[in-house]
């Protein structure tokens, strides 16, 4: 195990833990979340990630954990970039874009966390586009990592490579479905629920992606493949 790999894995683990803990805490604090927002969000979509954590005691814990976590994510993307340079030295452009997109996503996450729970049109805009840019840039960065993993190791040459490619593919299937849902359905309540479900699933898949990237950084077999 190395520090770079542990840091990347912690990014994913902390994100999953604090989001679910904030939601659980707000559910069990009287007067914070109405009964309509209490369900299994992955299958029922009754609440968005933002709604689950943007008030009550869950908000404080969410900010305390996610602000340093955003910094950890930025550092982890730099470490992933260095790992990519060692695995595929000829992929310099891909490496640079991976790091840049990941950094933009981390900065967007900072804005989202800072302004979560605030009021006003400007603050609402910053929250909304903060989470959009975090999802979009992180998904693109992980896609570039998956492309390198596919080229360097082959999707059938190890469970880490296979699982990472599958996770990233599921991210994009979820994202595309979320964009197209309004063209498929016309029930506003159903659309909202599907959007919430997609948001929770994207967070889950991206967090697991960070955990797997941490394992890549820790696993010596994925540091210099036979084709290196």
Protein backbone atom coordinates (compact mmCIF):
# COMPACT_ATOMS: atom_id res chain seq x y z
CA UNK A 1 0.00 0.00 0.00
CA UNK A 2 1.19 3.55 -0.66
CA UNK A 3 -0.02 6.98 0.41
CA UNK A 4 -1.20 7.97 -3.06
CA UNK A 5 -3.40 4.91 -3.39
CA UNK A 6 -4.79 5.24 0.13
CA UNK A 7 -5.62 8.91 -0.50
CA UNK A 8 -7.54 8.16 -3.71
CA UNK A 9 -9.44 5.31 -2.08
CA UNK A 10 -10.31 7.52 0.90
CA UNK A 11 -11.83 10.08 -1.47
CA UNK A 12 -14.38 7.55 -2.61
CA UNK A 13 -14.95 5.98 0.78
CA UNK A 14 -15.41 9.27 2.65
CA UNK A 15 -17.80 10.57 -0.01
CA UNK A 16 -20.03 7.52 0.28
CA UNK A 17 -19.96 7.45 4.06
CA UNK A 18 -20.67 11.15 4.66
CA UNK A 19 -23.51 11.41 2.13
CA UNK A 20 -25.33 8.46 3.62
CA UNK A 21 -24.55 9.51 7.18
CA UNK A 22 -25.82 13.06 6.57
CA UNK A 23 -29.05 11.66 5.11
CA UNK A 24 -29.47 9.18 7.98
CA UNK A 25 -28.80 11.92 10.53
CA UNK A 26 -31.34 14.27 8.98
CA UNK A 27 -33.97 11.52 8.79
CA UNK A 28 -33.58 10.85 12.50
CA UNK A 29 -33.61 14.52 13.52
CA UNK A 30 -37.22 15.67 14.09
CA UNK A 31 -38.42 18.42 11.78
CA UNK A 32 -35.54 18.30 9.29
CA UNK A 33 -36.78 15.99 6.53
CA UNK A 34 -40.47 15.37 5.99
CA UNK A 35 -41.71 11.80 5.59
CA UNK A 36 -41.99 12.31 1.83
CA UNK A 37 -38.17 12.53 1.67
CA UNK A 38 -37.58 9.33 3.62
CA UNK A 39 -37.05 6.24 1.48
CA UNK A 40 -34.40 4.17 -0.26
CA UNK A 41 -33.22 6.85 -2.71
CA UNK A 42 -31.56 4.35 -5.05
CA UNK A 43 -34.83 2.57 -5.81
CA UNK A 44 -37.53 5.11 -4.95
CA UNK A 45 -35.86 8.44 -5.75
CA UNK A 46 -37.82 10.40 -3.16
CA UNK A 47 -34.93 12.74 -2.38
CA UNK A 48 -31.93 14.21 -4.17
CA UNK A 49 -28.44 14.16 -2.69
CA UNK A 50 -28.65 17.92 -2.18
CA UNK A 51 -32.00 17.77 -0.41
CA UNK A 52 -30.77 14.92 1.77
CA UNK A 53 -27.81 16.91 3.10
CA UNK A 54 -28.56 20.62 2.71
CA UNK A 55 -30.19 21.21 6.10
CA UNK A 56 -30.11 20.08 9.71
CA UNK A 57 -27.13 18.50 11.46
CA UNK A 58 -26.31 16.51 8.32
CA UNK A 59 -25.33 19.71 6.53
CA UNK A 60 -22.64 20.55 9.08
CA UNK A 61 -21.08 17.10 8.90
CA UNK A 62 -21.33 17.07 5.12
CA UNK A 63 -19.39 20.34 4.84
CA UNK A 64 -16.81 19.36 7.47
CA UNK A 65 -15.95 16.19 5.56
CA UNK A 66 -16.49 17.15 1.92
CA UNK A 67 -14.44 20.37 1.88
CA UNK A 68 -11.17 18.61 2.80
CA UNK A 69 -12.30 15.68 0.66
CA UNK A 70 -12.47 17.99 -2.37
CA UNK A 71 -8.84 18.95 -1.75
CA UNK A 72 -7.95 15.28 -1.45
CA UNK A 73 -9.67 14.64 -4.78
CA UNK A 74 -7.60 17.36 -6.45
CA UNK A 75 -4.36 15.89 -5.07
CA UNK A 76 -5.47 12.41 -6.09
CA UNK A 77 -5.97 13.49 -9.69
CA UNK A 78 -2.40 14.78 -9.73
CA UNK A 79 -1.24 11.41 -8.40
CA UNK A 80 -3.33 9.55 -10.98
CA UNK A 81 -1.74 11.70 -13.68
CA UNK A 82 1.73 10.70 -12.49
CA UNK A 83 0.64 7.04 -12.48
CA UNK A 84 -0.69 7.39 -16.04
CA UNK A 85 2.64 8.87 -17.17
CA UNK A 86 4.43 5.80 -15.82
CA UNK A 87 2.02 3.32 -17.39
CA UNK A 88 1.67 4.90 -20.85
CA UNK A 89 4.38 7.55 -21.39
CA UNK A 90 3.14 8.29 -24.92
CA UNK A 91 -0.30 9.35 -23.72
CA UNK A 92 0.76 12.78 -22.54
CA UNK A 93 -2.27 14.66 -23.91
CA UNK A 94 -4.67 12.16 -22.40
CA UNK A 95 -2.87 12.42 -19.05
CA UNK A 96 -2.95 16.22 -19.06
CA UNK A 97 -6.66 16.33 -19.91
CA UNK A 98 -7.42 13.78 -17.21
CA UNK A 99 -5.72 15.90 -14.56
CA UNK A 100 -7.26 19.15 -15.82
CA UNK A 101 -10.79 17.78 -15.96
CA UNK A 102 -10.41 16.16 -12.54
CA UNK A 103 -9.13 19.42 -11.05
CA UNK A 104 -12.04 21.41 -12.51
CA UNK A 105 -14.42 18.85 -11.03
CA UNK A 106 -12.75 19.19 -7.62
CA UNK A 107 -13.01 23.00 -7.72
CA UNK A 108 -16.68 22.73 -8.72
CA UNK A 109 -17.24 20.43 -5.76
CA UNK A 110 -15.78 23.07 -3.43
CA UNK A 111 -18.27 25.66 -4.70
CA UNK A 112 -21.12 23.20 -4.38
CA UNK A 113 -20.25 22.30 -0.79
CA UNK A 114 -19.66 25.91 0.27
CA UNK A 115 -22.99 27.15 -1.04
CA UNK A 116 -25.07 24.11 -0.12
CA UNK A 117 -27.79 25.19 2.28
CA UNK A 118 -27.66 28.88 1.33
CA UNK A 119 -30.50 30.94 -0.11
CA UNK A 120 -30.72 33.32 -3.05
CA UNK A 121 -30.65 33.08 -6.84
CA UNK A 122 -26.87 33.46 -7.19
CA UNK A 123 -26.19 30.87 -4.50
CA UNK A 124 -28.71 28.52 -6.10
CA UNK A 125 -26.95 28.92 -9.45
CA UNK A 126 -23.55 28.17 -7.89
CA UNK A 127 -24.91 25.06 -6.17
CA UNK A 128 -26.64 23.81 -9.30
CA UNK A 129 -23.73 24.27 -11.68
CA UNK A 130 -21.20 23.23 -9.06
CA UNK A 131 -22.70 19.76 -8.92
CA UNK A 132 -23.19 19.63 -12.73
CA UNK A 133 -19.53 20.45 -13.35
CA UNK A 134 -18.40 18.04 -10.64
CA UNK A 135 -20.37 15.18 -12.18
CA UNK A 136 -19.45 16.08 -15.76
CA UNK A 137 -15.74 16.73 -15.33
CA UNK A 138 -15.20 13.78 -13.00
CA UNK A 139 -17.04 11.43 -15.36
CA UNK A 140 -14.88 12.62 -18.28
CA UNK A 141 -11.67 12.26 -16.26
CA UNK A 142 -12.57 8.73 -15.16
CA UNK A 143 -13.48 7.89 -18.76
CA UNK A 144 -9.96 8.87 -19.86
CA UNK A 145 -8.50 6.68 -17.09
CA UNK A 146 -10.70 3.80 -18.25
CA UNK A 147 -9.45 4.31 -21.82
CA UNK A 148 -5.85 4.05 -20.61
CA UNK A 149 -6.65 1.01 -18.47
CA UNK A 150 -8.24 -0.69 -21.48
CA UNK A 151 -5.20 0.03 -23.67
CA UNK A 152 -2.56 -0.80 -21.06
CA UNK A 153 -3.98 -3.92 -19.43
CA UNK A 154 -6.85 -5.13 -21.56
CA UNK A 155 -10.31 -5.46 -20.13
CA UNK A 156 -9.93 -9.23 -19.60
CA UNK A 157 -6.43 -9.21 -18.08
CA UNK A 158 -7.37 -8.43 -14.50
CA UNK A 159 -10.37 -7.92 -12.28
CA UNK A 160 -9.38 -4.34 -11.42
CA UNK A 161 -9.25 -3.28 -15.05
CA UNK A 162 -12.47 -5.10 -15.89
CA UNK A 163 -14.40 -3.71 -12.94
CA UNK A 164 -13.19 -0.15 -13.49
CA UNK A 165 -14.23 -0.19 -17.15
CA UNK A 166 -17.65 -1.58 -16.19
CA UNK A 167 -18.14 1.09 -13.50
CA UNK A 168 -17.25 3.92 -15.85
CA UNK A 169 -19.49 2.46 -18.57
CA UNK A 170 -22.39 2.34 -16.09
CA UNK A 171 -21.71 5.99 -15.21
CA UNK A 172 -22.14 7.02 -18.80
CA UNK A 173 -25.21 4.86 -19.33
CA UNK A 174 -26.73 6.50 -16.24
CA UNK A 175 -25.74 9.99 -17.38
CA UNK A 176 -27.13 9.53 -20.90
CA UNK A 177 -30.37 8.11 -19.53
CA UNK A 178 -30.68 11.06 -17.15
CA UNK A 179 -30.35 13.47 -20.07
CA UNK A 180 -32.86 11.60 -22.23
CA UNK A 181 -35.46 10.87 -19.56
CA UNK A 182 -37.57 13.91 -20.43
CA UNK A 183 -37.82 12.67 -24.01
CA UNK A 184 -39.03 9.27 -22.83
CA UNK A 185 -41.39 10.16 -19.97
CA UNK A 186 -43.88 12.99 -19.49
CA UNK A 187 -44.81 12.45 -15.84
CA UNK A 188 -43.09 15.24 -13.82
CA UNK A 189 -43.07 13.24 -10.59
CA UNK A 190 -41.55 10.21 -12.31
CA UNK A 191 -38.94 12.40 -14.02
CA UNK A 192 -37.93 13.93 -10.68
CA UNK A 193 -37.63 10.51 -9.08
CA UNK A 194 -35.56 9.16 -11.96
CA UNK A 195 -33.27 12.19 -11.77
CA UNK A 196 -32.78 11.65 -8.03
CA UNK A 197 -32.08 7.96 -8.53
CA UNK A 198 -29.54 8.76 -11.26
CA UNK A 199 -27.81 11.29 -8.99
CA UNK A 200 -27.41 8.77 -6.16
CA UNK A 201 -26.21 6.10 -8.56
CA UNK A 202 -23.67 8.46 -10.16
CA UNK A 203 -22.24 9.34 -6.75
CA UNK A 204 -21.99 5.63 -5.90
CA UNK A 205 -20.28 4.73 -9.18
CA UNK A 206 -17.86 7.67 -9.09
CA UNK A 207 -16.93 6.95 -5.48
CA UNK A 208 -16.27 3.31 -6.29
CA UNK A 209 -14.21 4.56 -9.23
CA UNK A 210 -11.96 6.52 -6.86
CA UNK A 211 -11.59 3.45 -4.66
CA UNK A 212 -10.53 1.37 -7.67
CA UNK A 213 -8.10 4.07 -8.82
CA UNK A 214 -6.61 3.90 -5.34
CA UNK A 215 -6.17 0.17 -5.78
CA UNK A 216 -4.49 0.77 -9.13
CA UNK A 217 -2.01 3.09 -7.45
CA UNK A 218 -1.35 0.54 -4.71
CA UNK A 219 -1.13 -2.56 -6.89
CA UNK A 220 2.37 -3.02 -8.27
CA UNK A 221 1.02 -5.26 -11.04
CA UNK A 222 -0.84 -2.27 -12.46
CA UNK A 223 2.11 0.07 -12.31
CA UNK A 224 4.26 -1.42 -15.10
CA UNK A 225 2.41 -3.90 -17.30
CA UNK A 226 4.21 -6.34 -19.58
CA UNK A 227 3.70 -4.02 -22.56
CA UNK A 228 5.48 -1.11 -20.80
